[in-house]
C-alpha atoms as a PDB file:
ATOM      1  CA  MET A   1      -6.200  15.095  -3.589  1.00  0.00           C
ATOM      2  CA  GLU A   2      -3.374  12.918  -2.396  1.00  0.00           C
ATOM      3  CA  LEU A   3      -2.983   9.155  -2.833  1.00  0.00           C
ATOM      4  CA  ARG A   4      -1.362   7.146  -0.078  1.00  0.00           C
ATOM      5  CA  TRP A   5      -0.039   3.629  -0.576  1.00  0.00           C
ATOM      6  CA  ARG A   6      -1.578   1.454   2.134  1.00  0.00           C
ATOM      7  CA  LEU A   7      -0.186  -2.014   1.340  1.00  0.00           C
ATOM      8  CA  ARG A   8       1.217  -2.553   4.845  1.00  0.00           C
ATOM      9  CA  GLN A   9      -2.092  -1.610   6.481  1.00  0.00           C
ATOM     10  CA  VAL A  10      -4.058  -3.919   4.180  1.00  0.00           C
ATOM     11  CA  MET A  11      -1.615  -6.748   4.843  1.00  0.00           C
ATOM     12  CA  ALA A  12      -1.816  -6.240   8.607  1.00  0.00           C
ATOM     13  CA  SER A  13      -5.613  -6.267   8.514  1.00  0.00           C
ATOM     14  CA  ARG A  14      -5.340  -9.716   6.930  1.00  0.00           C
ATOM     15  CA  GLU A  15      -2.622 -10.860   9.329  1.00  0.00           C
ATOM     16  CA  VAL A  16       0.048 -10.964   6.639  1.00  0.00           C
ATOM     17  CA  TRP A  17       3.153  -9.653   8.358  1.00  0.00           C
ATOM     18  CA  THR A  18       6.149 -10.272   6.098  1.00  0.00           C
ATOM     19  CA  GLY A  19       7.203  -9.936   2.506  1.00  0.00           C
ATOM     20  CA  LYS A  20       7.747 -13.691   2.406  1.00  0.00           C
ATOM     21  CA  GLU A  21       4.136 -14.294   3.455  1.00  0.00           C
ATOM     22  CA  LEU A  22       2.959 -11.850   0.796  1.00  0.00           C
ATOM     23  CA  ARG A  23       5.039 -13.586  -1.888  1.00  0.00           C
ATOM     24  CA  GLU A  24       3.541 -16.940  -0.864  1.00  0.00           C
ATOM     25  CA  LEU A  25      -0.010 -15.565  -1.038  1.00  0.00           C
ATOM     26  CA  LEU A  26       0.679 -14.027  -4.432  1.00  0.00           C
ATOM     27  CA  ALA A  27       1.930 -17.379  -5.719  1.00  0.00           C
ATOM     28  CA  GLN A  28      -0.910 -19.428  -4.188  1.00  0.00           C
ATOM     29  CA  ARG A  29      -3.915 -17.208  -4.794  1.00  0.00           C
ATOM     30  CA  ALA A  30      -2.931 -15.215  -7.876  1.00  0.00           C
ATOM     31  CA  ASP A  31      -0.359 -17.466  -9.570  1.00  0.00           C
ATOM     32  CA  PHE A  32       1.911 -14.414  -9.568  1.00  0.00           C
ATOM     33  CA  SER A  33       5.649 -14.427  -8.978  1.00  0.00           C
ATOM     34  CA  ILE A  34       7.484 -11.363  -7.707  1.00  0.00           C
ATOM     35  CA  SER A  35      11.098 -10.965  -6.623  1.00  0.00           C
ATOM     36  CA  PRO A  36      12.061 -10.249  -3.008  1.00  0.00           C
ATOM     37  CA  PRO A  37      13.529  -6.834  -3.975  1.00  0.00           C
ATOM     38  CA  SER A  38      10.257  -5.890  -5.696  1.00  0.00           C
ATOM     39  CA  VAL A  39       8.235  -6.883  -2.622  1.00  0.00           C
ATOM     40  CA  TYR A  40      10.637  -4.904  -0.444  1.00  0.00           C
ATOM     41  CA  ALA A  41      10.115  -1.828  -2.628  1.00  0.00           C
ATOM     42  CA  LEU A  42       6.324  -2.178  -2.507  1.00  0.00           C
ATOM     43  CA  LEU A  43       6.424  -2.485   1.280  1.00  0.00           C
ATOM     44  CA  ASN A  44       8.897   0.289   2.035  1.00  0.00           C
ATOM     45  CA  LYS A  45       8.414   2.961  -0.619  1.00  0.00           C
ATOM     46  CA  GLU A  46       5.514   4.880  -2.073  1.00  0.00           C
ATOM     47  CA  PRO A  47       5.470   3.445  -5.613  1.00  0.00           C
ATOM     48  CA  ALA A  48       5.632   5.950  -8.447  1.00  0.00           C
ATOM     49  CA  GLN A  49       3.750   3.437 -10.577  1.00  0.00           C
ATOM     50  CA  VAL A  50       2.244  -0.007 -10.170  1.00  0.00           C
ATOM     51  CA  LYS A  51       1.656  -2.280 -13.129  1.00  0.00           C
ATOM     52  CA  THR A  52      -1.965  -3.291 -13.610  1.00  0.00           C
ATOM     53  CA  GLU A  53      -0.928  -6.954 -13.455  1.00  0.00           C
ATOM     54  CA  THR A  54       0.759  -6.406 -10.076  1.00  0.00           C
ATOM     55  CA  LEU A  55      -2.202  -4.467  -8.708  1.00  0.00           C
ATOM     56  CA  GLN A  56      -4.601  -7.212  -9.802  1.00  0.00           C
ATOM     57  CA  ALA A  57      -2.405  -9.880  -8.208  1.00  0.00           C
ATOM     58  CA  LEU A  58      -2.175  -7.941  -4.925  1.00  0.00           C
ATOM     59  CA  CYS A  59      -5.951  -7.501  -4.857  1.00  0.00           C
ATOM     60  CA  THR A  60      -6.516 -11.195  -5.594  1.00  0.00           C
ATOM     61  CA  ALA A  61      -3.966 -12.382  -3.033  1.00  0.00           C
ATOM     62  CA  LEU A  62      -5.109 -10.032  -0.278  1.00  0.00           C
ATOM     63  CA  ARG A  63      -8.784 -10.205  -1.260  1.00  0.00           C
ATOM     64  CA  CYS A  64      -9.082  -6.449  -1.400  1.00  0.00           C
ATOM     65  CA  THR A  65      -9.831  -3.679  -3.876  1.00  0.00           C
ATOM     66  CA  PRO A  66      -7.522  -1.036  -5.337  1.00  0.00           C
ATOM     67  CA  ASN A  67      -9.434   1.495  -3.208  1.00  0.00           C
ATOM     68  CA  GLU A  68      -8.143  -0.261  -0.100  1.00  0.00           C
ATOM     69  CA  LEU A  69      -4.546  -0.235  -1.342  1.00  0.00           C
ATOM     70  CA  TYR A  70      -4.676   3.460  -2.162  1.00  0.00           C
ATOM     71  CA  GLY A  71      -5.993   5.778   0.523  1.00  0.00           C
ATOM     72  CA  VAL A  72      -7.296   9.048  -0.866  1.00  0.00           C
ATOM     73  CA  THR A  73      -6.962  12.266   1.082  1.00  0.00           C
ATOM     74  CA  SER A  74      -9.134  15.164  -0.023  1.00  0.00           C
ATOM     75  CA  PRO A  75      -7.515  18.566  -0.735  1.00  0.00           C
ATOM     76  CA  ARG A  76      -9.218  19.963   2.393  1.00  0.00           C
ATOM     77  CA  GLU A  77      -7.718  17.219   4.599  1.00  0.00           C
ATOM     78  CA  VAL A  78      -4.259  17.856   3.140  1.00  0.00           C
ATOM     79  CA  SER A  79      -4.657  21.595   3.737  1.00  0.00           C
ATOM     80  CA  LEU A  80      -5.813  21.074   7.339  1.00  0.00           C
ATOM     81  CA  ALA A  81      -2.908  18.719   8.030  1.00  0.00           C
ATOM     82  CA  ASP A  82      -0.451  21.267   6.613  1.00  0.00           C
ATOM     83  CA  ASP A  83      -2.023  24.061   8.679  1.00  0.00           C
ATOM     84  CA  SER A  84      -1.867  22.077  11.916  1.00  0.00           C
ATOM     85  CA  ALA A  85       1.749  21.071  11.292  1.00  0.00           C
ATOM     86  CA  ALA A  86       2.707  24.702  10.666  1.00  0.00           C
ATOM     87  CA  SER A  87       0.981  25.924  13.823  1.00  0.00           C
ATOM     88  CA  SER A  88       2.333  23.169  16.099  1.00  0.00           C
ATOM     89  CA  PRO A  89       5.147  24.254  18.405  1.00  0.00           C
ATOM     90  CA  PRO A  90       8.461  22.484  17.807  1.00  0.00           C
ATOM     91  CA  ASP A  91       9.417  19.662  20.159  1.00  0.00           C
END
């Protein structure tokens, strides 16, 4: 099983396009303050860990569930993706 961080996809599905817009939603809907560098990291890196408080605030602000923020790939899907990448001819 593999977890994939899907914050950008969830934001886009709610027409939230920038870190600034996300920070504003977090403040308005979840009464949660987060620094611009922290938002940047959440948007541009797969987080090694996410505090429960931050996850709750993101879910409240974006009106989503943790399951939407984390996409789960089954072991079979990961294996098939690896197999197809290995058998694809180089560009």
